[in-house]
Protein backbone atom coordinates (compact mmCIF):
# COMPACT_ATOMS: atom_id res chain seq x y z
CA MET A 1 80.32 104.92 67.09
CA GLY A 2 82.48 102.15 65.32
CA ARG A 3 81.06 98.74 64.86
CA ILE A 4 83.01 95.49 65.70
CA ASP A 5 84.35 93.78 62.61
CA TRP A 6 83.64 90.09 63.55
CA LEU A 7 85.25 87.62 61.54
CA PRO A 8 84.48 83.79 61.27
CA ILE A 9 86.69 81.71 63.56
CA GLU A 10 88.13 79.74 60.27
CA GLU A 11 89.93 83.09 59.55
CA LEU A 12 91.60 83.35 62.89
CA THR A 13 95.40 83.26 61.36
CA ASP A 14 98.45 81.21 63.30
CA GLU A 15 99.88 84.58 64.63
CA LEU A 16 96.41 85.14 66.63
CA LYS A 17 96.74 81.75 68.35
CA ASP A 18 99.77 82.67 70.64
CA GLY A 19 97.43 83.30 73.90
CA ARG A 20 96.76 87.25 73.32
CA ASN A 21 93.29 88.22 74.36
CA LEU A 22 90.57 88.29 71.31
CA LEU A 23 87.02 89.34 71.68
CA ILE A 24 85.25 86.37 71.09
CA TRP A 25 81.82 84.98 70.16
CA ILE A 26 80.20 81.96 72.19
CA LEU A 27 76.62 81.06 71.55
CA GLU A 28 74.55 84.27 72.17
CA ASP A 29 77.25 86.36 74.03
CA PHE A 30 80.63 87.85 73.49
CA TYR A 31 83.97 87.26 76.02
CA ILE A 32 87.47 88.05 76.26
CA GLY A 33 89.22 84.60 75.91
CA SER A 34 92.48 83.67 74.03
CA ALA A 35 93.64 80.69 72.04
CA ASN A 36 96.40 78.45 72.37
CA VAL A 37 97.68 75.85 70.35
CA ASP A 38 98.06 72.18 72.12
CA PRO A 39 101.58 70.97 71.48
CA ASP A 40 100.60 67.58 71.79
CA ASP A 41 97.82 67.43 68.91
CA SER A 42 97.91 70.67 67.37
CA SER A 43 94.45 71.31 68.61
CA ILE A 44 93.08 74.93 69.50
CA ARG A 45 92.09 75.35 73.23
CA TRP A 46 89.99 78.22 73.74
CA TRP A 47 90.31 80.05 77.38
CA LEU A 48 88.15 82.76 78.87
CA ASP A 49 90.18 85.54 80.38
CA GLY A 50 90.73 84.78 84.43
CA GLU A 51 89.76 81.06 83.95
CA SER A 52 92.13 78.09 84.53
CA GLU A 53 90.41 75.60 82.32
CA PRO A 54 89.75 75.79 78.73
CA ILE A 55 86.47 76.19 77.59
CA SER A 56 84.44 73.50 75.97
CA ASP A 57 82.03 75.47 73.50
CA GLN A 58 83.79 76.69 70.55
CA PRO A 59 83.71 80.20 69.35
CA THR A 60 81.88 80.85 66.21
CA HIS A 61 83.79 84.37 65.52
CA PHE A 62 86.39 86.73 66.58
CA ALA A 63 87.70 90.55 66.63
CA GLU A 64 91.09 91.34 67.46
CA LEU A 65 91.53 93.80 70.49
CA ASN A 66 93.66 96.75 69.69
CA ARG A 67 94.56 99.98 71.44
CA PRO A 68 92.97 103.35 70.11
CA ASP A 69 95.05 105.33 67.45
């Protein structure tokens, strides 16, 4: 069985800050979430899938979600 290749959040590229779903690690659990750049101050806002408000805890790691080969 494959292992998830978690990357530190500092390695998140601008390409992945477009609202696409990512696997994110927050505190002691994983979630499906997304990142968007705030146009007003260029900060990153994190959202959990299906939530209407940004989250306050910052992820420490992420992994891309992709389709099977």
